[in-house]
Amino acid sequence: MPTEHEAQTLRIGSGVPVLRYTRRHIADNGRIVEVAHPIVRRGDTTVVDFVIDLED
C-alpha cells in the first residue's frame, strides 16, 4: 500500500496498491550505467513487461 506521500504524489487513494521497483541499465561489458530507485507506480493499472537474458 502507498505511503501518504506516494498517495498524494500519484493522486490515488490509500487503498490503491503500488509497485516499487529498481531499474538498472547494464552495458554490454556488465558495467551498470544507470540506476533508478525507487520507481513507484500505481499497481492496479501498471503493466510490467521485461526480458531476462539467460545467455552468458
PDB file of N, CA and C in Angstrom:
ATOM      1  N   MET A   1       0.832  -1.171   0.000  1.00  0.00           N
ATOM      2  CA  MET A   1       0.000   0.000   0.000  1.00  0.00           C
ATOM      3  C   MET A   1       0.884   1.244   0.000  1.00  0.00           C
ATOM      4  N   PRO A   2       0.407   2.336  -0.555  1.00  0.00           N
ATOM      5  CA  PRO A   2       1.242   3.525  -0.673  1.00  0.00           C
ATOM      6  C   PRO A   2       1.435   4.232   0.663  1.00  0.00           C
ATOM      7  N   THR A   3       2.588   4.892   0.762  1.00  0.00           N
ATOM      8  CA  THR A   3       2.774   5.808   1.881  1.00  0.00           C
ATOM      9  C   THR A   3       1.877   7.015   1.632  1.00  0.00           C
ATOM     10  N   GLU A   4       1.702   7.848   2.633  1.00  0.00           N
ATOM     11  CA  GLU A   4       0.884   9.060   2.456  1.00  0.00           C
ATOM     12  C   GLU A   4       1.461   9.938   1.351  1.00  0.00           C
ATOM     13  N   HIS A   5       2.776  10.082   1.331  1.00  0.00           N
ATOM     14  CA  HIS A   5       3.435  10.904   0.302  1.00  0.00           C
ATOM     15  C   HIS A   5       3.225  10.312  -1.096  1.00  0.00           C
ATOM     16  N   GLU A   6       3.363   8.986  -1.228  1.00  0.00           N
ATOM     17  CA  GLU A   6       3.151   8.340  -2.530  1.00  0.00           C
ATOM     18  C   GLU A   6       1.725   8.524  -3.007  1.00  0.00           C
ATOM     19  N   ALA A   7       0.757   8.359  -2.097  1.00  0.00           N
ATOM     20  CA  ALA A   7      -0.653   8.526  -2.468  1.00  0.00           C
ATOM     21  C   ALA A   7      -0.924   9.945  -2.946  1.00  0.00           C
ATOM     22  N   GLN A   8      -0.359  10.939  -2.265  1.00  0.00           N
ATOM     23  CA  GLN A   8      -0.546  12.329  -2.675  1.00  0.00           C
ATOM     24  C   GLN A   8       0.129  12.593  -4.016  1.00  0.00           C
ATOM     25  N   THR A   9       1.351  12.113  -4.183  1.00  0.00           N
ATOM     26  CA  THR A   9       2.101  12.346  -5.423  1.00  0.00           C
ATOM     27  C   THR A   9       1.421  11.692  -6.617  1.00  0.00           C
ATOM     28  N   LEU A  10       0.945  10.461  -6.436  1.00  0.00           N
ATOM     29  CA  LEU A  10       0.299   9.726  -7.521  1.00  0.00           C
ATOM     30  C   LEU A  10      -1.183  10.065  -7.664  1.00  0.00           C
ATOM     31  N   ARG A  11      -1.703  10.840  -6.699  1.00  0.00           N
ATOM     32  CA  ARG A  11      -3.118  11.220  -6.686  1.00  0.00           C
ATOM     33  C   ARG A  11      -4.017   9.991  -6.689  1.00  0.00           C
ATOM     34  N   ILE A  12      -3.728   9.082  -5.750  1.00  0.00           N
ATOM     35  CA  ILE A  12      -4.517   7.864  -5.598  1.00  0.00           C
ATOM     36  C   ILE A  12      -4.966   7.742  -4.148  1.00  0.00           C
ATOM     37  N   GLY A  13      -5.931   6.875  -3.912  1.00  0.00           N
ATOM     38  CA  GLY A  13      -6.387   6.630  -2.556  1.00  0.00           C
ATOM     39  C   GLY A  13      -5.413   5.757  -1.785  1.00  0.00           C
ATOM     40  N   SER A  14      -5.562   5.754  -0.483  1.00  0.00           N
ATOM     41  CA  SER A  14      -4.649   4.984   0.361  1.00  0.00           C
ATOM     42  C   SER A  14      -4.852   3.474   0.204  1.00  0.00           C
ATOM     43  N   GLY A  15      -5.947   3.045  -0.406  1.00  0.00           N
ATOM     44  CA  GLY A  15      -6.210   1.625  -0.611  1.00  0.00           C
ATOM     45  C   GLY A  15      -5.785   1.095  -1.965  1.00  0.00           C
ATOM     46  N   VAL A  16      -5.206   1.954  -2.813  1.00  0.00           N
ATOM     47  CA  VAL A  16      -4.750   1.519  -4.135  1.00  0.00           C
ATOM     48  C   VAL A  16      -3.326   0.989  -4.002  1.00  0.00           C
ATOM     49  N   PRO A  17      -3.067  -0.270  -4.417  1.00  0.00           N
ATOM     50  CA  PRO A  17      -1.722  -0.812  -4.270  1.00  0.00           C
ATOM     51  C   PRO A  17      -0.726  -0.117  -5.196  1.00  0.00           C
ATOM     52  N   VAL A  18       0.531  -0.134  -4.792  1.00  0.00           N
ATOM     53  CA  VAL A  18       1.597   0.425  -5.624  1.00  0.00           C
ATOM     54  C   VAL A  18       2.674  -0.626  -5.855  1.00  0.00           C
ATOM     55  N   LEU A  19       3.428  -0.432  -6.928  1.00  0.00           N
ATOM     56  CA  LEU A  19       4.607  -1.244  -7.220  1.00  0.00           C
ATOM     57  C   LEU A  19       5.834  -0.373  -6.986  1.00  0.00           C
ATOM     58  N   ARG A  20       6.795  -0.893  -6.260  1.00  0.00           N
ATOM     59  CA  ARG A  20       8.067  -0.198  -6.064  1.00  0.00           C
ATOM     60  C   ARG A  20       9.141  -1.081  -6.671  1.00  0.00           C
ATOM     61  N   TYR A  21       9.937  -0.521  -7.580  1.00  0.00           N
ATOM     62  CA  TYR A  21      10.979  -1.321  -8.194  1.00  0.00           C
ATOM     63  C   TYR A  21      12.201  -0.479  -8.509  1.00  0.00           C
ATOM     64  N   THR A  22      13.282  -1.170  -8.800  1.00  0.00           N
ATOM     65  CA  THR A  22      14.543  -0.542  -9.167  1.00  0.00           C
ATOM     66  C   THR A  22      14.852  -0.914 -10.612  1.00  0.00           C
ATOM     67  N   ARG A  23      15.226   0.080 -11.407  1.00  0.00           N
ATOM     68  CA  ARG A  23      15.594  -0.167 -12.805  1.00  0.00           C
ATOM     69  C   ARG A  23      17.092   0.039 -12.948  1.00  0.00           C
ATOM     70  N   ARG A  24      17.772  -0.930 -13.552  1.00  0.00           N
ATOM     71  CA  ARG A  24      19.205  -0.808 -13.820  1.00  0.00           C
ATOM     72  C   ARG A  24      19.443  -0.957 -15.311  1.00  0.00           C
ATOM     73  N   HIS A  25      20.282  -0.093 -15.863  1.00  0.00           N
ATOM     74  CA  HIS A  25      20.724  -0.233 -17.243  1.00  0.00           C
ATOM     75  C   HIS A  25      22.156  -0.745 -17.180  1.00  0.00           C
ATOM     76  N   ILE A  26      22.407  -1.855 -17.880  1.00  0.00           N
ATOM     77  CA  ILE A  26      23.699  -2.517 -17.819  1.00  0.00           C
ATOM     78  C   ILE A  26      24.310  -2.541 -19.211  1.00  0.00           C
ATOM     79  N   ALA A  27      25.564  -2.093 -19.319  1.00  0.00           N
ATOM     80  CA  ALA A  27      26.279  -2.078 -20.591  1.00  0.00           C
ATOM     81  C   ALA A  27      26.654  -3.504 -20.996  1.00  0.00           C
ATOM     82  N   ASP A  28      27.038  -3.674 -22.253  1.00  0.00           N
ATOM     83  CA  ASP A  28      27.428  -4.992 -22.747  1.00  0.00           C
ATOM     84  C   ASP A  28      28.567  -5.614 -21.945  1.00  0.00           C
ATOM     85  N   ASN A  29      29.432  -4.775 -21.377  1.00  0.00           N
ATOM     86  CA  ASN A  29      30.565  -5.294 -20.609  1.00  0.00           C
ATOM     87  C   ASN A  29      30.195  -5.603 -19.151  1.00  0.00           C
ATOM     88  N   GLY A  30      28.914  -5.431 -18.785  1.00  0.00           N
ATOM     89  CA  GLY A  30      28.454  -5.744 -17.446  1.00  0.00           C
ATOM     90  C   GLY A  30      28.452  -4.577 -16.478  1.00  0.00           C
ATOM     91  N   ARG A  31      28.953  -3.426 -16.905  1.00  0.00           N
ATOM     92  CA  ARG A  31      29.004  -2.248 -16.037  1.00  0.00           C
ATOM     93  C   ARG A  31      27.618  -1.626 -15.937  1.00  0.00           C
ATOM     94  N   ILE A  32      27.199  -1.318 -14.708  1.00  0.00           N
ATOM     95  CA  ILE A  32      25.918  -0.641 -14.504  1.00  0.00           C
ATOM     96  C   ILE A  32      26.103   0.831 -14.848  1.00  0.00           C
ATOM     97  N   VAL A  33      25.285   1.330 -15.777  1.00  0.00           N
ATOM     98  CA  VAL A  33      25.446   2.709 -16.244  1.00  0.00           C
ATOM     99  C   VAL A  33      24.349   3.642 -15.744  1.00  0.00           C
ATOM    100  N   GLU A  34      23.261   3.084 -15.225  1.00  0.00           N
ATOM    101  CA  GLU A  34      22.196   3.928 -14.684  1.00  0.00           C
ATOM    102  C   GLU A  34      21.357   3.115 -13.702  1.00  0.00           C
ATOM    103  N   VAL A  35      20.959   3.756 -12.610  1.00  0.00           N
ATOM    104  CA  VAL A  35      20.069   3.127 -11.630  1.00  0.00           C
ATOM    105  C   VAL A  35      18.976   4.127 -11.280  1.00  0.00           C
ATOM    106  N   ALA A  36      17.744   3.682 -11.321  1.00  0.00           N
ATOM    107  CA  ALA A  36      16.608   4.497 -10.874  1.00  0.00           C
ATOM    108  C   ALA A  36      15.953   3.743  -9.726  1.00  0.00           C
ATOM    109  N   HIS A  37      15.977   4.337  -8.521  1.00  0.00           N
ATOM    110  CA  HIS A  37      15.448   3.661  -7.330  1.00  0.00           C
ATOM    111  C   HIS A  37      14.935   4.676  -6.335  1.00  0.00           C
ATOM    112  N   PRO A  38      13.803   4.537  -5.784  1.00  0.00           N
ATOM    113  CA  PRO A  38      12.763   3.601  -6.219  1.00  0.00           C
ATOM    114  C   PRO A  38      11.875   4.247  -7.274  1.00  0.00           C
ATOM    115  N   ILE A  39      11.343   3.435  -8.124  1.00  0.00           N
ATOM    116  CA  ILE A  39      10.294   3.862  -9.045  1.00  0.00           C
ATOM    117  C   ILE A  39       8.994   3.365  -8.428  1.00  0.00           C
ATOM    118  N   VAL A  40       8.034   4.242  -8.284  1.00  0.00           N
ATOM    119  CA  VAL A  40       6.758   3.873  -7.656  1.00  0.00           C
ATOM    120  C   VAL A  40       5.646   4.153  -8.653  1.00  0.00           C
ATOM    121  N   ARG A  41       4.859   3.130  -8.958  1.00  0.00           N
ATOM    122  CA  ARG A  41       3.729   3.249  -9.882  1.00  0.00           C
ATOM    123  C   ARG A  41       2.500   2.660  -9.231  1.00  0.00           C
ATOM    124  N   ARG A  42       1.338   3.135  -9.613  1.00  0.00           N
ATOM    125  CA  ARG A  42       0.114   2.540  -9.082  1.00  0.00           C
ATOM    126  C   ARG A  42       0.011   1.115  -9.605  1.00  0.00           C
ATOM    127  N   GLY A  43      -0.329   0.200  -8.721  1.00  0.00           N
ATOM    128  CA  GLY A  43      -0.303  -1.217  -9.056  1.00  0.00           C
ATOM    129  C   GLY A  43      -1.541  -1.746  -9.742  1.00  0.00           C
ATOM    130  N   ASP A  44      -2.629  -1.004  -9.712  1.00  0.00           N
ATOM    131  CA  ASP A  44      -3.868  -1.516 -10.289  1.00  0.00           C
ATOM    132  C   ASP A  44      -3.980  -1.300 -11.788  1.00  0.00           C
ATOM    133  N   THR A  45      -3.132  -0.446 -12.374  1.00  0.00           N
ATOM    134  CA  THR A  45      -3.215  -0.181 -13.816  1.00  0.00           C
ATOM    135  C   THR A  45      -1.878  -0.313 -14.525  1.00  0.00           C
ATOM    136  N   THR A  46      -0.821  -0.649 -13.806  1.00  0.00           N
ATOM    137  CA  THR A  46       0.515  -0.744 -14.403  1.00  0.00           C
ATOM    138  C   THR A  46       0.726  -2.135 -14.992  1.00  0.00           C
ATOM    139  N   VAL A  47       1.249  -2.173 -16.215  1.00  0.00           N
ATOM    140  CA  VAL A  47       1.623  -3.426 -16.867  1.00  0.00           C
ATOM    141  C   VAL A  47       3.140  -3.488 -16.880  1.00  0.00           C
ATOM    142  N   VAL A  48       3.698  -4.588 -16.378  1.00  0.00           N
ATOM    143  CA  VAL A  48       5.145  -4.769 -16.336  1.00  0.00           C
ATOM    144  C   VAL A  48       5.518  -5.794 -17.395  1.00  0.00           C
ATOM    145  N   ASP A  49       6.438  -5.417 -18.285  1.00  0.00           N
ATOM    146  CA  ASP A  49       6.912  -6.298 -19.355  1.00  0.00           C
ATOM    147  C   ASP A  49       8.426  -6.244 -19.320  1.00  0.00           C
ATOM    148  N   PHE A  50       9.091  -7.374 -19.107  1.00  0.00           N
ATOM    149  CA  PHE A  50      10.538  -7.348 -19.001  1.00  0.00           C
ATOM    150  C   PHE A  50      11.138  -8.557 -19.681  1.00  0.00           C
ATOM    151  N   VAL A  51      12.442  -8.473 -19.942  1.00  0.00           N
ATOM    152  CA  VAL A  51      13.183  -9.547 -20.615  1.00  0.00           C
ATOM    153  C   VAL A  51      14.287 -10.007 -19.685  1.00  0.00           C
ATOM    154  N   ILE A  52      14.441 -11.314 -19.553  1.00  0.00           N
ATOM    155  CA  ILE A  52      15.535 -11.877 -18.772  1.00  0.00           C
ATOM    156  C   ILE A  52      16.462 -12.589 -19.739  1.00  0.00           C
ATOM    157  N   ASP A  53      17.685 -12.084 -19.879  1.00  0.00           N
ATOM    158  CA  ASP A  53      18.663 -12.679 -20.775  1.00  0.00           C
ATOM    159  C   ASP A  53      19.315 -13.865 -20.086  1.00  0.00           C
ATOM    160  N   LEU A  54      19.106 -15.073 -20.602  1.00  0.00           N
ATOM    161  CA  LEU A  54      19.635 -16.270 -19.987  1.00  0.00           C
ATOM    162  C   LEU A  54      20.975 -16.697 -20.573  1.00  0.00           C
ATOM    163  N   GLU A  55      21.456 -15.977 -21.576  1.00  0.00           N
ATOM    164  CA  GLU A  55      22.735 -16.311 -22.197  1.00  0.00           C
ATOM    165  C   GLU A  55      23.860 -15.596 -21.500  1.00  0.00           C
ATOM    166  N   ASP A  56      25.022 -16.252 -21.414  1.00  0.00           N
ATOM    167  CA  ASP A  56      26.229 -15.625 -20.855  1.00  0.00           C
ATOM    168  C   ASP A  56      27.083 -15.039 -21.930  1.00  0.00           C
TER     169      ASP A  56
END
